[in-house]
């Protein structure tokens, strides 16, 4: 969706993936810091590789400018920080379609982005 918009409007895309930074301790159990760092590092590496593949597919048939970034932080906070830093005109974000007990109209990250964004947000399910 973002690629279609960028192609039509000659816009640039910042493709941002934020690996959720998990807490080291859960209730009375704490994971060793080294394990958390290793998991985070592997997650960022894996996400970066997958993102490069996807960008290759997207730009293959289009004339658009795409910059990629992968971070390990709190997702909605990092998305909103990127919006401010890059002065983004539009945020395009996917929302997970949950069902059953997990069902909400939009995902919690998407909802927080919508609430905190200083500009328009387009949600794609």
N, C-alpha and C. Protein backbone atom coordinates (compact mmCIF):
# COMPACT_ATOMS: atom_id res chain seq x y z
N UNK A 1 0.82 -1.18 0.00
CA UNK A 1 0.00 0.00 0.00
C UNK A 1 0.87 1.26 0.00
N UNK A 2 1.89 1.27 0.86
CA UNK A 2 2.79 2.43 0.93
C UNK A 2 3.53 2.61 -0.39
N UNK A 3 3.91 1.50 -1.02
CA UNK A 3 4.62 1.58 -2.30
C UNK A 3 3.74 2.19 -3.38
N UNK A 4 2.47 1.82 -3.39
CA UNK A 4 1.54 2.39 -4.37
C UNK A 4 1.39 3.89 -4.17
N UNK A 5 1.26 4.31 -2.93
CA UNK A 5 1.12 5.73 -2.63
C UNK A 5 2.39 6.47 -3.02
N UNK A 6 3.55 5.91 -2.67
CA UNK A 6 4.83 6.56 -2.98
C UNK A 6 5.04 6.67 -4.48
N UNK A 7 4.66 5.65 -5.21
CA UNK A 7 4.82 5.67 -6.66
C UNK A 7 3.95 6.75 -7.30
N UNK A 8 2.74 6.86 -6.82
CA UNK A 8 1.81 7.86 -7.38
C UNK A 8 2.18 9.30 -7.02
N UNK A 9 2.78 9.48 -5.85
CA UNK A 9 3.06 10.84 -5.36
C UNK A 9 4.54 11.21 -5.39
N UNK A 10 5.37 10.30 -5.92
CA UNK A 10 6.81 10.53 -5.97
C UNK A 10 7.39 10.76 -4.57
N UNK A 11 6.89 10.02 -3.61
CA UNK A 11 7.34 10.15 -2.22
C UNK A 11 8.43 9.14 -1.91
N UNK A 12 9.14 9.38 -0.83
CA UNK A 12 10.15 8.45 -0.34
C UNK A 12 9.53 7.62 0.77
N UNK A 13 10.04 6.39 0.92
CA UNK A 13 9.55 5.49 1.96
C UNK A 13 10.67 5.20 2.94
N UNK A 14 10.35 5.34 4.22
CA UNK A 14 11.21 4.82 5.27
C UNK A 14 10.50 3.57 5.78
N UNK A 15 11.07 2.42 5.48
CA UNK A 15 10.49 1.16 5.92
C UNK A 15 11.14 0.81 7.25
N UNK A 16 10.35 0.89 8.30
CA UNK A 16 10.85 0.70 9.65
C UNK A 16 10.23 -0.54 10.27
N UNK A 17 11.09 -1.41 10.78
CA UNK A 17 10.61 -2.58 11.52
C UNK A 17 11.21 -2.49 12.91
N UNK A 18 10.36 -2.58 13.91
CA UNK A 18 10.83 -2.48 15.28
C UNK A 18 10.59 -3.82 15.98
N UNK A 19 11.70 -4.45 16.35
CA UNK A 19 11.65 -5.69 17.11
C UNK A 19 11.32 -5.30 18.54
N UNK A 20 10.27 -5.88 19.07
CA UNK A 20 9.80 -5.53 20.41
C UNK A 20 10.88 -5.85 21.45
N UNK A 21 11.26 -4.84 22.20
CA UNK A 21 12.27 -5.00 23.25
C UNK A 21 11.54 -5.54 24.48
N UNK A 22 11.81 -6.79 24.80
CA UNK A 22 11.12 -7.45 25.91
C UNK A 22 11.81 -7.17 27.24
N UNK A 23 11.04 -7.25 28.27
CA UNK A 23 11.57 -7.08 29.62
C UNK A 23 12.46 -8.27 29.97
N UNK A 24 13.51 -8.00 30.70
CA UNK A 24 14.42 -9.06 31.12
C UNK A 24 13.81 -9.92 32.21
N UNK A 25 12.98 -9.31 33.04
CA UNK A 25 12.38 -10.05 34.16
C UNK A 25 10.86 -10.14 33.98
N UNK A 26 10.35 -11.32 34.30
CA UNK A 26 8.91 -11.56 34.28
C UNK A 26 8.55 -12.12 35.64
N UNK A 27 7.77 -11.37 36.38
CA UNK A 27 7.39 -11.72 37.75
C UNK A 27 8.66 -11.95 38.57
N UNK A 28 8.90 -13.18 39.01
CA UNK A 28 10.07 -13.41 39.85
C UNK A 28 11.19 -14.15 39.12
N UNK A 29 11.11 -14.20 37.78
CA UNK A 29 12.15 -14.86 37.00
C UNK A 29 12.81 -13.86 36.07
N UNK A 30 14.13 -13.85 36.03
CA UNK A 30 14.87 -12.97 35.14
C UNK A 30 15.75 -13.79 34.20
N UNK A 31 15.70 -13.43 32.93
CA UNK A 31 16.58 -14.05 31.95
C UNK A 31 17.96 -13.43 32.09
N UNK A 32 19.01 -14.20 31.86
CA UNK A 32 20.36 -13.61 31.89
C UNK A 32 20.48 -12.53 30.83
N UNK A 33 21.15 -11.44 31.16
CA UNK A 33 21.31 -10.31 30.25
C UNK A 33 21.94 -10.74 28.93
N UNK A 34 22.89 -11.65 28.99
CA UNK A 34 23.57 -12.12 27.77
C UNK A 34 22.59 -12.80 26.83
N UNK A 35 21.67 -13.58 27.40
CA UNK A 35 20.67 -14.27 26.58
C UNK A 35 19.73 -13.26 25.92
N UNK A 36 19.33 -12.26 26.66
CA UNK A 36 18.44 -11.23 26.11
C UNK A 36 19.13 -10.48 24.97
N UNK A 37 20.40 -10.13 25.15
CA UNK A 37 21.14 -9.43 24.11
C UNK A 37 21.31 -10.29 22.87
N UNK A 38 21.57 -11.58 23.07
CA UNK A 38 21.74 -12.49 21.94
C UNK A 38 20.42 -12.63 21.16
N UNK A 39 19.33 -12.80 21.88
CA UNK A 39 18.02 -12.93 21.24
C UNK A 39 17.68 -11.66 20.46
N UNK A 40 17.91 -10.53 21.08
CA UNK A 40 17.63 -9.25 20.43
C UNK A 40 18.48 -9.08 19.18
N UNK A 41 19.76 -9.39 19.27
CA UNK A 41 20.67 -9.26 18.14
C UNK A 41 20.26 -10.18 16.99
N UNK A 42 19.92 -11.42 17.32
CA UNK A 42 19.47 -12.37 16.30
C UNK A 42 18.17 -11.93 15.66
N UNK A 43 17.28 -11.38 16.45
CA UNK A 43 15.99 -10.91 15.93
C UNK A 43 16.19 -9.75 14.95
N UNK A 44 17.07 -8.82 15.31
CA UNK A 44 17.35 -7.68 14.43
C UNK A 44 17.99 -8.17 13.13
N UNK A 45 18.94 -9.08 13.25
CA UNK A 45 19.63 -9.62 12.06
C UNK A 45 18.64 -10.31 11.14
N UNK A 46 17.80 -11.16 11.70
CA UNK A 46 16.80 -11.89 10.92
C UNK A 46 15.80 -10.94 10.26
N UNK A 47 15.35 -9.95 11.01
CA UNK A 47 14.39 -8.98 10.47
C UNK A 47 15.02 -8.16 9.35
N UNK A 48 16.29 -7.81 9.49
CA UNK A 48 16.99 -7.04 8.46
C UNK A 48 17.09 -7.84 7.17
N UNK A 49 17.45 -9.11 7.28
CA UNK A 49 17.55 -9.96 6.09
C UNK A 49 16.20 -10.11 5.40
N UNK A 50 15.16 -10.33 6.18
CA UNK A 50 13.82 -10.49 5.60
C UNK A 50 13.35 -9.18 4.96
N UNK A 51 13.66 -8.06 5.61
CA UNK A 51 13.26 -6.77 5.07
C UNK A 51 13.93 -6.51 3.72
N UNK A 52 15.21 -6.84 3.61
CA UNK A 52 15.93 -6.66 2.34
C UNK A 52 15.28 -7.46 1.22
N UNK A 53 14.87 -8.69 1.52
CA UNK A 53 14.18 -9.52 0.54
C UNK A 53 12.88 -8.86 0.09
N UNK A 54 12.10 -8.40 1.06
CA UNK A 54 10.80 -7.79 0.75
C UNK A 54 10.96 -6.49 -0.05
N UNK A 55 11.95 -5.69 0.33
CA UNK A 55 12.19 -4.44 -0.40
C UNK A 55 12.58 -4.74 -1.84
N UNK A 56 13.38 -5.78 -2.03
CA UNK A 56 13.75 -6.18 -3.39
C UNK A 56 12.53 -6.48 -4.23
N UNK A 57 11.55 -7.16 -3.65
CA UNK A 57 10.31 -7.48 -4.36
C UNK A 57 9.50 -6.22 -4.66
N UNK A 58 9.48 -5.30 -3.70
CA UNK A 58 8.66 -4.10 -3.85
C UNK A 58 9.22 -3.16 -4.92
N UNK A 59 10.52 -2.92 -4.88
CA UNK A 59 11.11 -1.93 -5.80
C UNK A 59 11.42 -2.52 -7.16
N UNK A 60 11.35 -3.83 -7.29
CA UNK A 60 11.68 -4.50 -8.54
C UNK A 60 10.93 -3.92 -9.73
N UNK A 61 9.67 -3.68 -9.59
CA UNK A 61 8.86 -3.21 -10.71
C UNK A 61 8.40 -1.76 -10.56
N UNK A 62 8.92 -1.07 -9.54
CA UNK A 62 8.49 0.30 -9.30
C UNK A 62 9.68 1.24 -9.25
N UNK A 63 9.41 2.49 -9.48
CA UNK A 63 10.45 3.51 -9.37
C UNK A 63 10.20 4.31 -8.10
N UNK A 64 10.62 3.74 -6.97
CA UNK A 64 10.44 4.42 -5.69
C UNK A 64 11.74 4.35 -4.88
N UNK A 65 11.88 5.31 -4.00
CA UNK A 65 13.05 5.41 -3.12
C UNK A 65 12.68 4.84 -1.76
N UNK A 66 13.35 3.74 -1.36
CA UNK A 66 13.05 3.08 -0.09
C UNK A 66 14.31 3.01 0.76
N UNK A 67 14.19 3.49 1.98
CA UNK A 67 15.25 3.36 2.99
C UNK A 67 14.73 2.43 4.07
N UNK A 68 15.61 1.54 4.55
CA UNK A 68 15.20 0.56 5.54
C UNK A 68 15.91 0.78 6.87
N UNK A 69 15.23 0.44 7.94
CA UNK A 69 15.83 0.51 9.27
C UNK A 69 15.15 -0.54 10.16
N UNK A 70 15.95 -1.22 10.96
CA UNK A 70 15.44 -2.18 11.93
C UNK A 70 16.01 -1.81 13.28
N UNK A 71 15.16 -1.73 14.27
CA UNK A 71 15.58 -1.36 15.63
C UNK A 71 14.95 -2.31 16.63
N UNK A 72 15.56 -2.40 17.79
CA UNK A 72 14.99 -3.18 18.89
C UNK A 72 14.64 -2.20 20.00
N UNK A 73 13.40 -1.84 20.06
CA UNK A 73 12.89 -0.87 21.04
C UNK A 73 11.42 -1.17 21.30
N UNK A 74 10.76 -0.24 21.93
CA UNK A 74 9.31 -0.33 22.10
C UNK A 74 8.70 0.14 20.78
N UNK A 75 7.98 -0.73 20.07
CA UNK A 75 7.55 -0.43 18.70
C UNK A 75 6.82 0.91 18.51
N UNK A 76 5.76 1.16 19.24
CA UNK A 76 5.01 2.38 18.98
C UNK A 76 5.83 3.63 19.28
N UNK A 77 6.67 3.57 20.31
CA UNK A 77 7.51 4.73 20.64
C UNK A 77 8.50 5.01 19.53
N UNK A 78 9.10 3.97 18.98
CA UNK A 78 10.10 4.15 17.92
C UNK A 78 9.46 4.64 16.63
N UNK A 79 8.26 4.17 16.33
CA UNK A 79 7.55 4.64 15.14
C UNK A 79 7.23 6.12 15.27
N UNK A 80 6.74 6.53 16.44
CA UNK A 80 6.43 7.94 16.65
C UNK A 80 7.69 8.80 16.66
N UNK A 81 8.78 8.29 17.21
CA UNK A 81 10.06 9.02 17.17
C UNK A 81 10.53 9.21 15.73
N UNK A 82 10.40 8.16 14.92
CA UNK A 82 10.80 8.25 13.52
C UNK A 82 9.95 9.26 12.77
N UNK A 83 8.66 9.31 13.08
CA UNK A 83 7.78 10.28 12.44
C UNK A 83 8.27 11.70 12.70
N UNK A 84 8.62 11.97 13.94
CA UNK A 84 9.09 13.31 14.30
C UNK A 84 10.45 13.62 13.69
N UNK A 85 11.39 12.67 13.82
CA UNK A 85 12.75 12.89 13.32
C UNK A 85 12.79 13.07 11.81
N UNK A 86 12.03 12.27 11.09
CA UNK A 86 12.04 12.29 9.62
C UNK A 86 10.99 13.24 9.04
N UNK A 87 10.18 13.81 9.93
CA UNK A 87 9.09 14.70 9.49
C UNK A 87 8.20 14.01 8.44
N UNK A 88 7.79 12.79 8.79
CA UNK A 88 6.98 11.97 7.88
C UNK A 88 5.60 12.59 7.65
N UNK A 89 5.17 12.56 6.41
CA UNK A 89 3.86 13.09 6.05
C UNK A 89 2.75 12.09 6.31
N UNK A 90 3.09 10.81 6.32
CA UNK A 90 2.09 9.76 6.47
C UNK A 90 2.75 8.53 7.07
N UNK A 91 2.06 7.89 8.00
CA UNK A 91 2.49 6.60 8.53
C UNK A 91 1.54 5.56 7.96
N UNK A 92 2.11 4.53 7.34
CA UNK A 92 1.31 3.40 6.88
C UNK A 92 1.73 2.23 7.76
N UNK A 93 0.78 1.65 8.46
CA UNK A 93 1.09 0.59 9.42
C UNK A 93 0.12 -0.56 9.24
N UNK A 94 0.65 -1.76 9.43
CA UNK A 94 -0.20 -2.95 9.36
C UNK A 94 -0.80 -3.21 10.73
N UNK A 95 -1.95 -3.82 10.73
CA UNK A 95 -2.60 -4.20 11.97
C UNK A 95 -2.90 -5.68 11.90
N UNK A 96 -2.59 -6.38 12.97
CA UNK A 96 -2.88 -7.81 13.01
C UNK A 96 -4.37 -8.02 13.24
N UNK A 97 -4.96 -8.86 12.44
CA UNK A 97 -6.38 -9.18 12.61
C UNK A 97 -6.53 -10.32 13.60
N UNK A 98 -6.66 -10.02 14.85
CA UNK A 98 -6.80 -11.05 15.88
C UNK A 98 -8.24 -11.55 15.93
N UNK A 99 -8.40 -12.74 16.45
CA UNK A 99 -9.75 -13.28 16.59
C UNK A 99 -9.95 -13.79 18.01
N UNK A 100 -11.18 -14.11 18.34
CA UNK A 100 -11.50 -14.66 19.66
C UNK A 100 -11.20 -13.69 20.78
N UNK A 101 -10.58 -14.20 21.83
CA UNK A 101 -10.32 -13.39 23.02
C UNK A 101 -9.34 -12.25 22.74
N UNK A 102 -8.49 -12.41 21.71
CA UNK A 102 -7.50 -11.39 21.37
C UNK A 102 -8.06 -10.33 20.42
N UNK A 103 -9.33 -10.45 20.08
CA UNK A 103 -9.92 -9.57 19.07
C UNK A 103 -10.03 -8.13 19.56
N UNK A 104 -9.44 -7.24 18.80
CA UNK A 104 -9.60 -5.81 18.99
C UNK A 104 -9.74 -5.20 17.61
N UNK A 105 -10.31 -4.02 17.49
CA UNK A 105 -10.48 -3.43 16.16
C UNK A 105 -9.15 -3.26 15.42
N UNK A 106 -8.12 -2.81 16.12
CA UNK A 106 -6.78 -2.70 15.54
C UNK A 106 -5.79 -3.16 16.58
N UNK A 107 -4.58 -3.50 16.15
CA UNK A 107 -3.56 -3.97 17.08
C UNK A 107 -3.16 -2.90 18.07
N UNK A 108 -2.60 -3.31 19.18
CA UNK A 108 -2.24 -2.35 20.22
C UNK A 108 -1.15 -1.39 19.77
N UNK A 109 -0.19 -1.86 18.96
CA UNK A 109 0.84 -0.95 18.44
C UNK A 109 0.20 0.07 17.51
N UNK A 110 -0.62 -0.43 16.58
CA UNK A 110 -1.29 0.47 15.64
C UNK A 110 -2.16 1.48 16.38
N UNK A 111 -2.87 1.03 17.39
CA UNK A 111 -3.73 1.94 18.16
C UNK A 111 -2.91 3.02 18.84
N UNK A 112 -1.80 2.65 19.45
CA UNK A 112 -0.95 3.64 20.12
C UNK A 112 -0.32 4.61 19.12
N UNK A 113 0.01 4.12 17.95
CA UNK A 113 0.56 5.00 16.91
C UNK A 113 -0.50 6.01 16.49
N UNK A 114 -1.72 5.52 16.26
CA UNK A 114 -2.81 6.43 15.87
C UNK A 114 -3.02 7.50 16.92
N UNK A 115 -3.03 7.11 18.18
CA UNK A 115 -3.27 8.06 19.27
C UNK A 115 -2.13 9.07 19.44
N UNK A 116 -0.90 8.65 19.16
CA UNK A 116 0.24 9.52 19.39
C UNK A 116 0.78 10.25 18.18
N UNK A 117 0.32 9.90 17.01
CA UNK A 117 0.85 10.49 15.78
C UNK A 117 0.46 11.95 15.64
N UNK A 118 1.36 12.71 15.04
CA UNK A 118 1.09 14.13 14.82
C UNK A 118 0.58 14.38 13.39
N UNK A 119 0.45 13.32 12.61
CA UNK A 119 -0.05 13.43 11.25
C UNK A 119 -0.93 12.24 10.93
N UNK A 120 -1.32 12.11 9.67
CA UNK A 120 -2.22 11.02 9.29
C UNK A 120 -1.56 9.65 9.39
N UNK A 121 -2.41 8.66 9.72
CA UNK A 121 -1.98 7.26 9.82
C UNK A 121 -2.96 6.43 9.00
N UNK A 122 -2.40 5.60 8.11
CA UNK A 122 -3.20 4.69 7.30
C UNK A 122 -2.95 3.28 7.82
N UNK A 123 -4.01 2.61 8.23
CA UNK A 123 -3.88 1.25 8.75
C UNK A 123 -4.32 0.25 7.70
N UNK A 124 -3.43 -0.71 7.43
CA UNK A 124 -3.71 -1.77 6.46
C UNK A 124 -3.79 -3.09 7.22
N UNK A 125 -4.87 -3.79 7.06
CA UNK A 125 -5.03 -5.05 7.77
C UNK A 125 -4.48 -6.19 6.97
